[in-house]
Amino acid sequence: MIAAPALFKIELTSACVAQWRLRGLEKLRIGQNIALISAFLDPKNMILYADEDDFEEAVALAISYEHRIADCHFVALARRLEMALLTADMKQAQIAIQEGIEVTLIETR
């Protein structure tokens, strides 16, 4: 089971839309890809946790490490749930490691 802050839905969709724009995908294909995102985010596959549950810790991490608040939400949630963090972001991984959180780094190339 995958766990993520609720903002993951926006983060994932935003990244996909940016890629679609860059690659000039047809609007029909974009709709099909949005359907794939929705299927991926199905509660059978993923649990999305309310962002406010980890808000204070995420802000503290973002200030402490001078890093994006959205990324710090994932670190804060991983700590609270005592789960490993799965990420392709090296700086986010370093923050999690410094905070004593196990990290699985995804290679993107």
C-alpha atoms as a PDB file:
ATOM      1  CA  MET A   1       0.000   0.000   0.000  1.00  0.00           C
ATOM      2  CA  ILE A   2       1.224   3.493  -0.829  1.00  0.00           C
ATOM      3  CA  ALA A   3       0.582   6.391   1.559  1.00  0.00           C
ATOM      4  CA  ALA A   4       0.896  10.052   0.602  1.00  0.00           C
ATOM      5  CA  PRO A   5      -0.312  13.479   1.654  1.00  0.00           C
ATOM      6  CA  ALA A   6      -3.500  14.558  -0.138  1.00  0.00           C
ATOM      7  CA  LEU A   7      -1.490  17.130  -2.074  1.00  0.00           C
ATOM      8  CA  PHE A   8       0.082  14.206  -3.961  1.00  0.00           C
ATOM      9  CA  LYS A   9      -2.904  14.159  -6.307  1.00  0.00           C
ATOM     10  CA  ILE A  10      -2.200  17.766  -7.311  1.00  0.00           C
ATOM     11  CA  GLU A  11       1.576  17.249  -7.460  1.00  0.00           C
ATOM     12  CA  LEU A  12       1.263  14.159  -9.664  1.00  0.00           C
ATOM     13  CA  THR A  13      -1.319  15.698 -11.969  1.00  0.00           C
ATOM     14  CA  SER A  14       0.677  18.924 -12.263  1.00  0.00           C
ATOM     15  CA  ALA A  15       3.840  17.034 -13.228  1.00  0.00           C
ATOM     16  CA  CYS A  16       1.945  14.978 -15.804  1.00  0.00           C
ATOM     17  CA  VAL A  17       0.249  18.020 -17.344  1.00  0.00           C
ATOM     18  CA  ALA A  18       3.618  19.781 -17.593  1.00  0.00           C
ATOM     19  CA  GLN A  19       5.072  16.773 -19.412  1.00  0.00           C
ATOM     20  CA  TRP A  20       2.064  16.569 -21.711  1.00  0.00           C
ATOM     21  CA  ARG A  21       2.439  20.256 -22.596  1.00  0.00           C
ATOM     22  CA  LEU A  22       6.143  19.822 -23.303  1.00  0.00           C
ATOM     23  CA  ARG A  23       5.491  16.816 -25.505  1.00  0.00           C
ATOM     24  CA  GLY A  24       2.450  18.358 -27.198  1.00  0.00           C
ATOM     25  CA  LEU A  25       0.093  15.469 -26.483  1.00  0.00           C
ATOM     26  CA  GLU A  26      -3.307  15.614 -28.090  1.00  0.00           C
ATOM     27  CA  LYS A  27      -6.199  16.563 -25.807  1.00  0.00           C
ATOM     28  CA  LEU A  28      -7.792  13.150 -26.279  1.00  0.00           C
ATOM     29  CA  ARG A  29      -4.653  11.419 -24.991  1.00  0.00           C
ATOM     30  CA  ILE A  30      -4.498  13.820 -22.049  1.00  0.00           C
ATOM     31  CA  GLY A  31      -7.988  12.696 -21.035  1.00  0.00           C
ATOM     32  CA  GLN A  32      -6.916   9.066 -21.229  1.00  0.00           C
ATOM     33  CA  ASN A  33      -3.858   9.794 -19.099  1.00  0.00           C
ATOM     34  CA  ILE A  34      -5.962  11.609 -16.500  1.00  0.00           C
ATOM     35  CA  ALA A  35      -8.091   8.465 -16.280  1.00  0.00           C
ATOM     36  CA  LEU A  36      -4.883   6.492 -15.613  1.00  0.00           C
ATOM     37  CA  ILE A  37      -3.928   8.897 -12.820  1.00  0.00           C
ATOM     38  CA  SER A  38      -7.373   8.510 -11.268  1.00  0.00           C
ATOM     39  CA  ALA A  39      -7.038   4.726 -11.380  1.00  0.00           C
ATOM     40  CA  PHE A  40      -3.593   4.936  -9.764  1.00  0.00           C
ATOM     41  CA  LEU A  41      -5.000   7.123  -6.981  1.00  0.00           C
ATOM     42  CA  ASP A  42      -7.831   4.671  -6.294  1.00  0.00           C
ATOM     43  CA  PRO A  43      -8.124   3.952  -2.547  1.00  0.00           C
ATOM     44  CA  LYS A  44      -7.390   0.280  -3.287  1.00  0.00           C
ATOM     45  CA  ASN A  45      -3.898   1.344  -4.348  1.00  0.00           C
ATOM     46  CA  MET A  46      -3.167   4.384  -2.223  1.00  0.00           C
ATOM     47  CA  ILE A  47      -4.199   6.102   0.993  1.00  0.00           C
ATOM     48  CA  LEU A  48      -4.125   9.898   0.876  1.00  0.00           C
ATOM     49  CA  TYR A  49      -3.750  11.573   4.275  1.00  0.00           C
ATOM     50  CA  ALA A  50      -5.019  15.048   5.113  1.00  0.00           C
ATOM     51  CA  ASP A  51      -2.279  17.641   4.617  1.00  0.00           C
ATOM     52  CA  GLU A  52      -3.147  19.451   7.839  1.00  0.00           C
ATOM     53  CA  ASP A  53      -2.205  16.377   9.908  1.00  0.00           C
ATOM     54  CA  ASP A  54       1.489  16.996   9.165  1.00  0.00           C
ATOM     55  CA  PHE A  55       1.377  20.713   8.401  1.00  0.00           C
ATOM     56  CA  GLU A  56       3.345  22.004  11.402  1.00  0.00           C
ATOM     57  CA  GLU A  57       6.129  19.456  11.046  1.00  0.00           C
ATOM     58  CA  ALA A  58       6.293  20.023   7.281  1.00  0.00           C
ATOM     59  CA  VAL A  59       6.672  23.782   7.798  1.00  0.00           C
ATOM     60  CA  ALA A  60       9.393  23.225  10.413  1.00  0.00           C
ATOM     61  CA  LEU A  61      11.277  20.913   8.039  1.00  0.00           C
ATOM     62  CA  ALA A  62      10.882  23.321   5.114  1.00  0.00           C
ATOM     63  CA  ILE A  63      12.310  26.177   7.174  1.00  0.00           C
ATOM     64  CA  SER A  64      15.070  24.088   8.710  1.00  0.00           C
ATOM     65  CA  TYR A  65      16.269  22.635   5.409  1.00  0.00           C
ATOM     66  CA  GLU A  66      15.249  25.551   3.151  1.00  0.00           C
ATOM     67  CA  HIS A  67      13.275  23.162   0.979  1.00  0.00           C
ATOM     68  CA  ARG A  68       9.843  23.015  -0.662  1.00  0.00           C
ATOM     69  CA  ILE A  69       6.941  22.634   1.755  1.00  0.00           C
ATOM     70  CA  ALA A  70       5.258  20.058  -0.510  1.00  0.00           C
ATOM     71  CA  ASP A  71       8.298  17.779  -0.383  1.00  0.00           C
ATOM     72  CA  CYS A  72       8.534  18.204   3.368  1.00  0.00           C
ATOM     73  CA  HIS A  73       4.927  17.013   3.744  1.00  0.00           C
ATOM     74  CA  PHE A  74       6.002  13.647   2.345  1.00  0.00           C
ATOM     75  CA  VAL A  75       8.929  13.476   4.792  1.00  0.00           C
ATOM     76  CA  ALA A  76       6.701  14.399   7.751  1.00  0.00           C
ATOM     77  CA  LEU A  77       4.103  11.793   6.780  1.00  0.00           C
ATOM     78  CA  ALA A  78       6.747   9.078   6.357  1.00  0.00           C
ATOM     79  CA  ARG A  79       8.004   9.825   9.860  1.00  0.00           C
ATOM     80  CA  ARG A  80       4.510   9.817  11.406  1.00  0.00           C
ATOM     81  CA  LEU A  81       3.551   6.535   9.734  1.00  0.00           C
ATOM     82  CA  GLU A  82       7.008   5.035  10.333  1.00  0.00           C
ATOM     83  CA  MET A  83       7.241   4.163   6.649  1.00  0.00           C
ATOM     84  CA  ALA A  84      10.061   4.441   4.142  1.00  0.00           C
ATOM     85  CA  LEU A  85      10.053   7.424   1.796  1.00  0.00           C
ATOM     86  CA  LEU A  86       9.969   6.573  -1.916  1.00  0.00           C
ATOM     87  CA  THR A  87      11.368   9.466  -3.955  1.00  0.00           C
ATOM     88  CA  ALA A  88      13.347  10.468  -7.013  1.00  0.00           C
ATOM     89  CA  ASP A  89      14.324  13.798  -5.404  1.00  0.00           C
ATOM     90  CA  MET A  90      17.874  13.627  -4.046  1.00  0.00           C
ATOM     91  CA  LYS A  91      17.497  16.641  -1.730  1.00  0.00           C
ATOM     92  CA  GLN A  92      14.232  15.282  -0.311  1.00  0.00           C
ATOM     93  CA  ALA A  93      15.968  11.935   0.227  1.00  0.00           C
ATOM     94  CA  GLN A  94      18.857  13.631   2.053  1.00  0.00           C
ATOM     95  CA  ILE A  95      16.427  15.464   4.345  1.00  0.00           C
ATOM     96  CA  ALA A  96      14.619  12.233   5.168  1.00  0.00           C
ATOM     97  CA  ILE A  97      17.894  10.412   5.863  1.00  0.00           C
ATOM     98  CA  GLN A  98      19.045  13.239   8.143  1.00  0.00           C
ATOM     99  CA  GLU A  99      15.713  12.902   9.951  1.00  0.00           C
ATOM    100  CA  GLY A 100      16.269   9.169  10.465  1.00  0.00           C
ATOM    101  CA  ILE A 101      13.750   8.021   7.852  1.00  0.00           C
ATOM    102  CA  GLU A 102      14.488   5.072   5.589  1.00  0.00           C
ATOM    103  CA  VAL A 103      14.587   6.083   1.922  1.00  0.00           C
ATOM    104  CA  THR A 104      14.171   4.206  -1.328  1.00  0.00           C
ATOM    105  CA  LEU A 105      15.570   6.351  -4.116  1.00  0.00           C
ATOM    106  CA  ILE A 106      14.024   5.956  -7.557  1.00  0.00           C
ATOM    107  CA  GLU A 107      16.375   6.351 -10.487  1.00  0.00           C
ATOM    108  CA  THR A 108      14.769   8.429 -13.215  1.00  0.00           C
ATOM    109  CA  ARG A 109      17.297   7.914 -16.008  1.00  0.00           C
END
